[in-house]
């Protein structure tokens, strides 16, 4: 089986007589959209296509086989819908709705052409277009990012999507991925258990020695403070629909030693406070 891995790129001219003599490969659109395909040339020779991912062959494309020979692509006639309308506004509306559904569409001067689909036929009729089914080659618009159109279920969709993201990132400097899946559960239950233990011990010793020249007093102050604090907090919170049950237990214990002050007033008087 002959293997075909190359397609002649745009701008690479091939002599027309040489291309005319090349064997042909006639394929409908869905097969021309595959990069991996086992096919039969019109002369009966079997070939295997291993083309770059995302390749969509068009009528007149030239392929290069592994032996260096050429193969010319022909778009096969297939069932298509041709939609026409004398009002260009209605034709534009139809193109918009088809594009919104990611439908491959061939755009002519006064018609839209697409693969046969009874649902889309009814849509076009409701929009006011005249729709007929014919047999004709189908060559839809190529993809905006270089290749042909890809469906979301095509095996090459991932490559086309990645390429589109890269173009957007190159232009805007960042990429956006949108994945919308919303499932909200608004039932909230909060169970909080708090246990706070605080122990504070403060010892203060103050020594003051005052000498007042005018009153002749010698003041000696000895202060001793002992503070003990014990805090016990026990919180049990159960929040359901903004209903709160709060239980707080606070314990405070303060112990203070007496303050002893000795004052010697220089006149034989001594006071203790």
C-alpha atoms as a PDB file:
ATOM      1  CA  UNK A   1       0.000   0.000   0.000  1.00  0.00           C
ATOM      2  CA  UNK A   2       1.373   3.381  -1.025  1.00  0.00           C
ATOM      3  CA  UNK A   3       1.897   5.799   1.849  1.00  0.00           C
ATOM      4  CA  UNK A   4       1.114   9.506   1.440  1.00  0.00           C
ATOM      5  CA  UNK A   5       2.430  11.901   4.079  1.00  0.00           C
ATOM      6  CA  UNK A   6       2.848  15.250   2.313  1.00  0.00           C
ATOM      7  CA  UNK A   7       0.612  17.865   0.777  1.00  0.00           C
ATOM      8  CA  UNK A   8       1.931  20.521  -1.568  1.00  0.00           C
ATOM      9  CA  UNK A   9       1.688  23.765   0.369  1.00  0.00           C
ATOM     10  CA  UNK A  10       0.327  27.087  -0.872  1.00  0.00           C
ATOM     11  CA  UNK A  11       2.709  28.848  -3.216  1.00  0.00           C
ATOM     12  CA  UNK A  12       4.481  25.644  -4.225  1.00  0.00           C
ATOM     13  CA  UNK A  13       3.662  25.490  -7.890  1.00  0.00           C
ATOM     14  CA  UNK A  14       3.466  22.232  -9.798  1.00  0.00           C
ATOM     15  CA  UNK A  15       3.477  22.127 -13.565  1.00  0.00           C
ATOM     16  CA  UNK A  16      -0.130  21.817 -14.692  1.00  0.00           C
ATOM     17  CA  UNK A  17       0.568  19.078 -17.252  1.00  0.00           C
ATOM     18  CA  UNK A  18       2.257  17.020 -14.528  1.00  0.00           C
ATOM     19  CA  UNK A  19      -0.677  17.468 -12.157  1.00  0.00           C
ATOM     20  CA  UNK A  20      -3.207  16.641 -14.867  1.00  0.00           C
ATOM     21  CA  UNK A  21      -1.495  13.315 -15.523  1.00  0.00           C
ATOM     22  CA  UNK A  22      -1.386  12.420 -11.809  1.00  0.00           C
ATOM     23  CA  UNK A  23      -3.780   9.785 -10.487  1.00  0.00           C
ATOM     24  CA  UNK A  24      -6.789  11.190  -8.668  1.00  0.00           C
ATOM     25  CA  UNK A  25      -8.277  10.579  -5.245  1.00  0.00           C
ATOM     26  CA  UNK A  26     -11.988  11.445  -5.136  1.00  0.00           C
ATOM     27  CA  UNK A  27     -13.372  11.926  -1.636  1.00  0.00           C
ATOM     28  CA  UNK A  28     -16.459  13.488  -0.025  1.00  0.00           C
ATOM     29  CA  UNK A  29     -15.987  16.240   2.519  1.00  0.00           C
ATOM     30  CA  UNK A  30     -16.029  14.087   5.663  1.00  0.00           C
ATOM     31  CA  UNK A  31     -13.179  11.917   4.323  1.00  0.00           C
ATOM     32  CA  UNK A  32     -11.232  14.935   3.128  1.00  0.00           C
ATOM     33  CA  UNK A  33     -11.351  16.169   6.738  1.00  0.00           C
ATOM     34  CA  UNK A  34      -9.429  13.167   8.066  1.00  0.00           C
ATOM     35  CA  UNK A  35      -5.678  13.176   8.460  1.00  0.00           C
ATOM     36  CA  UNK A  36      -5.534   9.372   8.772  1.00  0.00           C
ATOM     37  CA  UNK A  37      -7.342   7.459   6.066  1.00  0.00           C
ATOM     38  CA  UNK A  38      -7.090   4.263   4.049  1.00  0.00           C
ATOM     39  CA  UNK A  39      -8.425   5.020   0.584  1.00  0.00           C
ATOM     40  CA  UNK A  40      -8.455   3.817  -2.990  1.00  0.00           C
ATOM     41  CA  UNK A  41      -7.294   5.950  -5.902  1.00  0.00           C
ATOM     42  CA  UNK A  42      -9.600   6.261  -8.883  1.00  0.00           C
ATOM     43  CA  UNK A  43      -7.299   3.891 -10.790  1.00  0.00           C
ATOM     44  CA  UNK A  44      -7.810   1.211  -8.116  1.00  0.00           C
ATOM     45  CA  UNK A  45      -4.511   1.574  -6.248  1.00  0.00           C
ATOM     46  CA  UNK A  46      -4.781   1.511  -2.463  1.00  0.00           C
ATOM     47  CA  UNK A  47      -3.121   4.261  -0.454  1.00  0.00           C
ATOM     48  CA  UNK A  48      -2.740   5.202   3.193  1.00  0.00           C
ATOM     49  CA  UNK A  49      -2.925   8.874   4.159  1.00  0.00           C
ATOM     50  CA  UNK A  50      -0.819  10.062   7.095  1.00  0.00           C
ATOM     51  CA  UNK A  51      -1.179  13.821   6.779  1.00  0.00           C
ATOM     52  CA  UNK A  52      -0.455  16.504   9.375  1.00  0.00           C
ATOM     53  CA  UNK A  53      -3.108  16.765  12.063  1.00  0.00           C
ATOM     54  CA  UNK A  54      -5.859  19.213  11.171  1.00  0.00           C
ATOM     55  CA  UNK A  55      -5.439  18.882   7.408  1.00  0.00           C
ATOM     56  CA  UNK A  56      -8.591  19.355   5.333  1.00  0.00           C
ATOM     57  CA  UNK A  57      -8.123  18.513   1.668  1.00  0.00           C
ATOM     58  CA  UNK A  58      -9.718  20.691  -0.990  1.00  0.00           C
ATOM     59  CA  UNK A  59     -10.514  20.057  -4.610  1.00  0.00           C
ATOM     60  CA  UNK A  60      -7.342  20.376  -6.673  1.00  0.00           C
ATOM     61  CA  UNK A  61      -4.843  19.818  -3.836  1.00  0.00           C
ATOM     62  CA  UNK A  62      -1.699  17.868  -4.724  1.00  0.00           C
ATOM     63  CA  UNK A  63      -0.388  15.083  -2.493  1.00  0.00           C
ATOM     64  CA  UNK A  64       3.107  13.605  -2.588  1.00  0.00           C
ATOM     65  CA  UNK A  65       3.507   9.858  -2.093  1.00  0.00           C
ATOM     66  CA  UNK A  66       6.539   8.224  -0.501  1.00  0.00           C
ATOM     67  CA  UNK A  67       7.893   7.293  -3.942  1.00  0.00           C
ATOM     68  CA  UNK A  68       7.763  10.928  -5.058  1.00  0.00           C
ATOM     69  CA  UNK A  69       4.715  10.579  -7.271  1.00  0.00           C
ATOM     70  CA  UNK A  70       1.818  13.023  -7.164  1.00  0.00           C
ATOM     71  CA  UNK A  71      -1.849  12.419  -6.397  1.00  0.00           C
ATOM     72  CA  UNK A  72      -4.523  15.001  -7.205  1.00  0.00           C
ATOM     73  CA  UNK A  73      -7.490  15.459  -4.861  1.00  0.00           C
ATOM     74  CA  UNK A  74     -11.010  15.696  -6.298  1.00  0.00           C
ATOM     75  CA  UNK A  75     -14.025  16.775  -4.248  1.00  0.00           C
ATOM     76  CA  UNK A  76     -16.737  14.167  -4.747  1.00  0.00           C
ATOM     77  CA  UNK A  77     -20.335  15.108  -5.466  1.00  0.00           C
ATOM     78  CA  UNK A  78     -22.500  14.442  -2.420  1.00  0.00           C
ATOM     79  CA  UNK A  79     -25.972  15.294  -1.097  1.00  0.00           C
ATOM     80  CA  UNK A  80     -26.020  18.943  -0.021  1.00  0.00           C
ATOM     81  CA  UNK A  81     -28.592  21.578   0.836  1.00  0.00           C
ATOM     82  CA  UNK A  82     -28.485  24.791  -1.155  1.00  0.00           C
ATOM     83  CA  UNK A  83     -30.273  27.727   0.453  1.00  0.00           C
ATOM     84  CA  UNK A  84     -31.049  30.887  -1.499  1.00  0.00           C
ATOM     85  CA  UNK A  85     -32.900  34.129  -0.875  1.00  0.00           C
ATOM     86  CA  UNK A  86     -33.350  37.377  -2.777  1.00  0.00           C
ATOM     87  CA  UNK A  87     -33.089  39.317   0.484  1.00  0.00           C
ATOM     88  CA  UNK A  88     -29.383  39.512   1.465  1.00  0.00           C
ATOM     89  CA  UNK A  89     -30.335  40.351   5.062  1.00  0.00           C
ATOM     90  CA  UNK A  90     -32.134  37.016   5.460  1.00  0.00           C
ATOM     91  CA  UNK A  91     -29.179  35.239   3.872  1.00  0.00           C
ATOM     92  CA  UNK A  92     -26.849  36.880   6.393  1.00  0.00           C
ATOM     93  CA  UNK A  93     -29.124  35.887   9.271  1.00  0.00           C
ATOM     94  CA  UNK A  94     -29.044  32.286   8.062  1.00  0.00           C
ATOM     95  CA  UNK A  95     -25.244  32.343   7.837  1.00  0.00           C
ATOM     96  CA  UNK A  96     -25.097  33.700  11.398  1.00  0.00           C
ATOM     97  CA  UNK A  97     -27.315  30.947  12.812  1.00  0.00           C
ATOM     98  CA  UNK A  98     -25.425  28.216  10.973  1.00  0.00           C
ATOM     99  CA  UNK A  99     -22.092  29.576  12.154  1.00  0.00           C
ATOM    100  CA  UNK A 100     -23.424  29.759  15.684  1.00  0.00           C
ATOM    101  CA  UNK A 101     -23.961  25.996  15.446  1.00  0.00           C
ATOM    102  CA  UNK A 102     -20.418  25.459  14.088  1.00  0.00           C
ATOM    103  CA  UNK A 103     -21.862  24.080  10.881  1.00  0.00           C
ATOM    104  CA  UNK A 104     -19.506  23.858   7.876  1.00  0.00           C
ATOM    105  CA  UNK A 105     -20.966  26.157   5.222  1.00  0.00           C
ATOM    106  CA  UNK A 106     -19.964  26.850   1.652  1.00  0.00           C
ATOM    107  CA  UNK A 107     -20.680  30.509   0.902  1.00  0.00           C
ATOM    108  CA  UNK A 108     -21.543  31.523  -2.645  1.00  0.00           C
ATOM    109  CA  UNK A 109     -22.432  34.879  -4.150  1.00  0.00           C
ATOM    110  CA  UNK A 110     -26.154  34.310  -3.609  1.00  0.00           C
ATOM    111  CA  UNK A 111     -26.404  30.985  -1.776  1.00  0.00           C
ATOM    112  CA  UNK A 112     -25.364  28.979   1.265  1.00  0.00           C
ATOM    113  CA  UNK A 113     -24.524  25.314   0.866  1.00  0.00           C
ATOM    114  CA  UNK A 114     -24.195  22.714   3.607  1.00  0.00           C
ATOM    115  CA  UNK A 115     -24.235  18.977   4.123  1.00  0.00           C
ATOM    116  CA  UNK A 116     -27.698  17.465   4.160  1.00  0.00           C
ATOM    117  CA  UNK A 117     -29.384  17.757   7.535  1.00  0.00           C
ATOM    118  CA  UNK A 118     -33.197  17.704   7.922  1.00  0.00           C
ATOM    119  CA  UNK A 119     -33.087  19.746  11.128  1.00  0.00           C
ATOM    120  CA  UNK A 120     -31.027  22.506   9.531  1.00  0.00           C
ATOM    121  CA  UNK A 121     -33.261  22.404   6.467  1.00  0.00           C
ATOM    122  CA  UNK A 122     -36.271  23.179   8.673  1.00  0.00           C
ATOM    123  CA  UNK A 123     -34.343  25.988  10.353  1.00  0.00           C
ATOM    124  CA  UNK A 124     -33.518  27.615   7.021  1.00  0.00           C
ATOM    125  CA  UNK A 125     -37.110  27.303   5.850  1.00  0.00           C
ATOM    126  CA  UNK A 126     -38.373  29.016   9.016  1.00  0.00           C
ATOM    127  CA  UNK A 127     -35.909  31.850   8.418  1.00  0.00           C
ATOM    128  CA  UNK A 128     -37.492  32.455   5.010  1.00  0.00           C
ATOM    129  CA  UNK A 129     -34.985  30.864   2.645  1.00  0.00           C
ATOM    130  CA  UNK A 130     -35.640  28.590  -0.294  1.00  0.00           C
ATOM    131  CA  UNK A 131     -33.929  25.242   0.285  1.00  0.00           C
ATOM    132  CA  UNK A 132     -33.299  22.489  -2.263  1.00  0.00           C
ATOM    133  CA  UNK A 133     -31.368  19.241  -2.038  1.00  0.00           C
ATOM    134  CA  UNK A 134     -28.835  18.635  -4.788  1.00  0.00           C
ATOM    135  CA  UNK A 135     -25.776  16.520  -5.557  1.00  0.00           C
ATOM    136  CA  UNK A 136     -22.664  18.672  -5.752  1.00  0.00           C
ATOM    137  CA  UNK A 137     -19.084  18.883  -4.497  1.00  0.00           C
ATOM    138  CA  UNK A 138     -19.001  20.442  -1.048  1.00  0.00           C
ATOM    139  CA  UNK A 139     -16.226  22.879  -0.225  1.00  0.00           C
ATOM    140  CA  UNK A 140     -17.044  24.812   2.946  1.00  0.00           C
ATOM    141  CA  UNK A 141     -15.162  27.807   4.210  1.00  0.00           C
ATOM    142  CA  UNK A 142     -11.772  26.948   5.670  1.00  0.00           C
ATOM    143  CA  UNK A 143     -11.225  27.378   9.403  1.00  0.00           C
ATOM    144  CA  UNK A 144     -10.314  30.868  10.591  1.00  0.00           C
ATOM    145  CA  UNK A 145      -6.936  29.645  11.901  1.00  0.00           C
ATOM    146  CA  UNK A 146      -5.567  28.020   8.811  1.00  0.00           C
ATOM    147  CA  UNK A 147      -7.135  24.586   8.486  1.00  0.00           C
ATOM    148  CA  UNK A 148     -10.617  23.475   7.608  1.00  0.00           C
ATOM    149  CA  UNK A 149     -13.543  23.460   9.977  1.00  0.00           C
ATOM    150  CA  UNK A 150     -13.442  21.087  12.915  1.00  0.00           C
ATOM    151  CA  UNK A 151     -16.390  19.775  14.870  1.00  0.00           C
ATOM    152  CA  UNK A 152     -16.328  19.459  18.624  1.00  0.00           C
ATOM    153  CA  UNK A 153     -16.493  15.684  18.226  1.00  0.00           C
ATOM    154  CA  UNK A 154     -13.798  15.460  15.544  1.00  0.00           C
ATOM    155  CA  UNK A 155     -10.521  13.766  16.409  1.00  0.00           C
ATOM    156  CA  UNK A 156      -8.698  16.919  15.235  1.00  0.00           C
ATOM    157  CA  UNK A 157     -10.751  19.386  17.278  1.00  0.00           C
ATOM    158  CA  UNK A 158      -8.151  19.563  20.049  1.00  0.00           C
ATOM    159  CA  UNK A 159      -5.452  20.725  17.646  1.00  0.00           C
ATOM    160  CA  UNK A 160      -7.679  23.416  16.142  1.00  0.00           C
ATOM    161  CA  UNK A 161      -8.773  24.632  19.560  1.00  0.00           C
ATOM    162  CA  UNK A 162      -5.180  24.779  20.803  1.00  0.00           C
ATOM    163  CA  UNK A 163      -4.180  26.752  17.725  1.00  0.00           C
ATOM    164  CA  UNK A 164      -7.012  29.225  18.278  1.00  0.00           C
ATOM    165  CA  UNK A 165      -5.958  29.679  21.897  1.00  0.00           C
ATOM    166  CA  UNK A 166      -2.367  30.306  20.820  1.00  0.00           C
ATOM    167  CA  UNK A 167      -3.455  32.987  18.342  1.00  0.00           C
ATOM    168  CA  UNK A 168      -5.512  34.690  21.044  1.00  0.00           C
ATOM    169  CA  UNK A 169      -2.635  34.526  23.517  1.00  0.00           C
ATOM    170  CA  UNK A 170      -0.172  35.959  21.003  1.00  0.00           C
ATOM    171  CA  UNK A 171      -2.503  38.882  20.406  1.00  0.00           C
ATOM    172  CA  UNK A 172      -3.591  39.638  23.969  1.00  0.00           C
ATOM    173  CA  UNK A 173      -0.732  38.295  26.042  1.00  0.00           C
ATOM    174  CA  UNK A 174      -2.831  35.910  28.062  1.00  0.00           C
ATOM    175  CA  UNK A 175      -5.085  32.968  27.534  1.00  0.00           C
ATOM    176  CA  UNK A 176      -8.594  32.435  28.746  1.00  0.00           C
ATOM    177  CA  UNK A 177     -10.135  29.095  29.332  1.00  0.00           C
ATOM    178  CA  UNK A 178     -13.841  29.005  29.893  1.00  0.00           C
ATOM    179  CA  UNK A 179     -15.362  26.039  31.365  1.00  0.00           C
ATOM    180  CA  UNK A 180     -18.847  26.576  32.706  1.00  0.00           C
ATOM    181  CA  UNK A 181     -20.260  23.968  34.975  1.00  0.00           C
ATOM    182  CA  UNK A 182     -22.387  25.427  37.705  1.00  0.00           C
ATOM    183  CA  UNK A 183     -23.715  23.274  40.479  1.00  0.00           C
ATOM    184  CA  UNK A 184     -24.512  25.155  43.642  1.00  0.00           C
ATOM    185  CA  UNK A 185     -25.579  23.620  46.916  1.00  0.00           C
ATOM    186  CA  UNK A 186     -26.733  26.300  49.318  1.00  0.00           C
ATOM    187  CA  UNK A 187     -27.041  24.210  52.437  1.00  0.00           C
ATOM    188  CA  UNK A 188     -24.604  25.451  55.073  1.00  0.00           C
ATOM    189  CA  UNK A 189     -23.922  23.761  58.365  1.00  0.00           C
ATOM    190  CA  UNK A 190     -21.182  24.999  60.640  1.00  0.00           C
ATOM    191  CA  UNK A 191     -20.143  23.249  63.801  1.00  0.00           C
ATOM    192  CA  UNK A 192     -17.547  25.173  65.762  1.00  0.00           C
ATOM    193  CA  UNK A 193     -15.983  24.035  69.018  1.00  0.00           C
ATOM    194  CA  UNK A 194     -13.731  26.525  70.759  1.00  0.00           C
ATOM    195  CA  UNK A 195     -11.865  25.959  73.974  1.00  0.00           C
ATOM    196  CA  UNK A 196      -9.743  28.851  75.126  1.00  0.00           C
ATOM    197  CA  UNK A 197      -7.588  28.668  78.213  1.00  0.00           C
ATOM    198  CA  UNK A 198      -5.755  31.763  79.361  1.00  0.00           C
ATOM    199  CA  UNK A 199      -3.446  31.901  82.317  1.00  0.00           C
ATOM    200  CA  UNK A 200      -1.887  35.200  83.278  1.00  0.00           C
ATOM    201  CA  UNK A 201       0.494  35.720  86.163  1.00  0.00           C
ATOM    202  CA  UNK A 202       1.856  39.188  86.815  1.00  0.00           C
ATOM    203  CA  UNK A 203       4.379  40.040  89.520  1.00  0.00           C
ATOM    204  CA  UNK A 204       5.247  43.667  89.935  1.00  0.00           C
ATOM    205  CA  UNK A 205       7.771  44.938  92.453  1.00  0.00           C
ATOM    206  CA  UNK A 206       8.183  48.667  92.726  1.00  0.00           C
ATOM    207  CA  UNK A 207      10.779  50.309  94.884  1.00  0.00           C
ATOM    208  CA  UNK A 208      10.488  54.042  95.342  1.00  0.00           C
ATOM    209  CA  UNK A 209      12.852  56.185  97.352  1.00  0.00           C
ATOM    210  CA  UNK A 210      11.890  59.845  97.539  1.00  0.00           C
ATOM    211  CA  UNK A 211      13.919  62.579  99.149  1.00  0.00           C
ATOM    212  CA  UNK A 212      12.073  65.873  99.366  1.00  0.00           C
ATOM    213  CA  UNK A 213      14.322  68.732 100.296  1.00  0.00           C
ATOM    214  CA  UNK A 214      11.605  71.015 101.520  1.00  0.00           C
ATOM    215  CA  UNK A 215       9.639  68.554 103.641  1.00  0.00           C
ATOM    216  CA  UNK A 216      12.441  66.331 104.943  1.00  0.00           C
ATOM    217  CA  UNK A 217      10.516  63.206 104.138  1.00  0.00           C
ATOM    218  CA  UNK A 218      12.102  59.934 103.203  1.00  0.00           C
ATOM    219  CA  UNK A 219       9.530  57.980 101.256  1.00  0.00           C
ATOM    220  CA  UNK A 220      10.142  54.361 100.693  1.00  0.00           C
ATOM    221  CA  UNK A 221       7.495  52.479  98.749  1.00  0.00           C
ATOM    222  CA  UNK A 222       7.509  48.792  98.269  1.00  0.00           C
ATOM    223  CA  UNK A 223       4.766  47.620  95.950  1.00  0.00           C
ATOM    224  CA  UNK A 224       4.109  44.040  95.139  1.00  0.00           C
ATOM    225  CA  UNK A 225       1.347  43.028  92.773  1.00  0.00           C
ATOM    226  CA  UNK A 226       0.356  39.506  92.022  1.00  0.00           C
ATOM    227  CA  UNK A 227      -2.296  39.123  89.370  1.00  0.00           C
ATOM    228  CA  UNK A 228      -3.624  35.777  88.362  1.00  0.00           C
ATOM    229  CA  UNK A 229      -6.184  35.456  85.598  1.00  0.00           C
ATOM    230  CA  UNK A 230      -7.804  32.276  84.502  1.00  0.00           C
ATOM    231  CA  UNK A 231     -10.078  32.461  81.514  1.00  0.00           C
ATOM    232  CA  UNK A 232     -12.079  29.525  80.369  1.00  0.00           C
ATOM    233  CA  UNK A 233     -14.067  29.860  77.169  1.00  0.00           C
ATOM    234  CA  UNK A 234     -16.189  27.078  75.904  1.00  0.00           C
ATOM    235  CA  UNK A 235     -17.986  27.834  72.655  1.00  0.00           C
ATOM    236  CA  UNK A 236     -20.261  25.413  70.906  1.00  0.00           C
ATOM    237  CA  UNK A 237     -21.634  26.906  67.708  1.00  0.00           C
ATOM    238  CA  UNK A 238     -24.103  25.210  65.452  1.00  0.00           C
ATOM    239  CA  UNK A 239     -25.103  27.389  62.503  1.00  0.00           C
ATOM    240  CA  UNK A 240     -27.947  26.223  60.351  1.00  0.00           C
ATOM    241  CA  UNK A 241     -29.891  28.745  58.357  1.00  0.00           C
ATOM    242  CA  UNK A 242     -28.400  31.587  60.380  1.00  0.00           C
ATOM    243  CA  UNK A 243     -29.566  30.117  63.735  1.00  0.00           C
ATOM    244  CA  UNK A 244     -26.888  30.503  66.390  1.00  0.00           C
ATOM    245  CA  UNK A 245     -26.548  28.767  69.745  1.00  0.00           C
ATOM    246  CA  UNK A 246     -23.629  30.242  71.633  1.00  0.00           C
ATOM    247  CA  UNK A 247     -22.553  29.050  75.048  1.00  0.00           C
ATOM    248  CA  UNK A 248     -19.781  30.994  76.811  1.00  0.00           C
ATOM    249  CA  UNK A 249     -18.241  30.174  80.163  1.00  0.00           C
ATOM    250  CA  UNK A 250     -15.832  32.804  81.430  1.00  0.00           C
ATOM    251  CA  UNK A 251     -13.864  32.420  84.646  1.00  0.00           C
ATOM    252  CA  UNK A 252     -11.693  35.190  86.044  1.00  0.00           C
ATOM    253  CA  UNK A 253      -9.648  34.931  89.194  1.00  0.00           C
ATOM    254  CA  UNK A 254      -7.630  37.906  90.407  1.00  0.00           C
ATOM    255  CA  UNK A 255      -5.314  37.766  93.366  1.00  0.00           C
ATOM    256  CA  UNK A 256      -3.683  40.950  94.667  1.00  0.00           C
ATOM    257  CA  UNK A 257      -1.218  41.139  97.518  1.00  0.00           C
ATOM    258  CA  UNK A 258      -1.397  44.029  99.883  1.00  0.00           C
ATOM    259  CA  UNK A 259       0.691  47.023  99.167  1.00  0.00           C
ATOM    260  CA  UNK A 260       3.067  47.929 101.922  1.00  0.00           C
ATOM    261  CA  UNK A 261       4.341  51.498 102.113  1.00  0.00           C
ATOM    262  CA  UNK A 262       6.846  52.659 104.742  1.00  0.00           C
ATOM    263  CA  UNK A 263       7.294  56.356 105.157  1.00  0.00           C
ATOM    264  CA  UNK A 264       9.915  57.848 107.434  1.00  0.00           C
ATOM    265  CA  UNK A 265       9.256  61.534 107.997  1.00  0.00           C
ATOM    266  CA  UNK A 266      12.436  62.487 109.809  1.00  0.00           C
ATOM    267  CA  UNK A 267      10.610  63.521 113.004  1.00  0.00           C
ATOM    268  CA  UNK A 268      10.519  60.115 114.623  1.00  0.00           C
ATOM    269  CA  UNK A 269       7.266  59.289 112.919  1.00  0.00           C
ATOM    270  CA  UNK A 270       6.921  56.236 110.880  1.00  0.00           C
ATOM    271  CA  UNK A 271       3.788  55.296 109.047  1.00  0.00           C
ATOM    272  CA  UNK A 272       2.924  52.048 107.371  1.00  0.00           C
ATOM    273  CA  UNK A 273       0.235  51.815 104.727  1.00  0.00           C
END
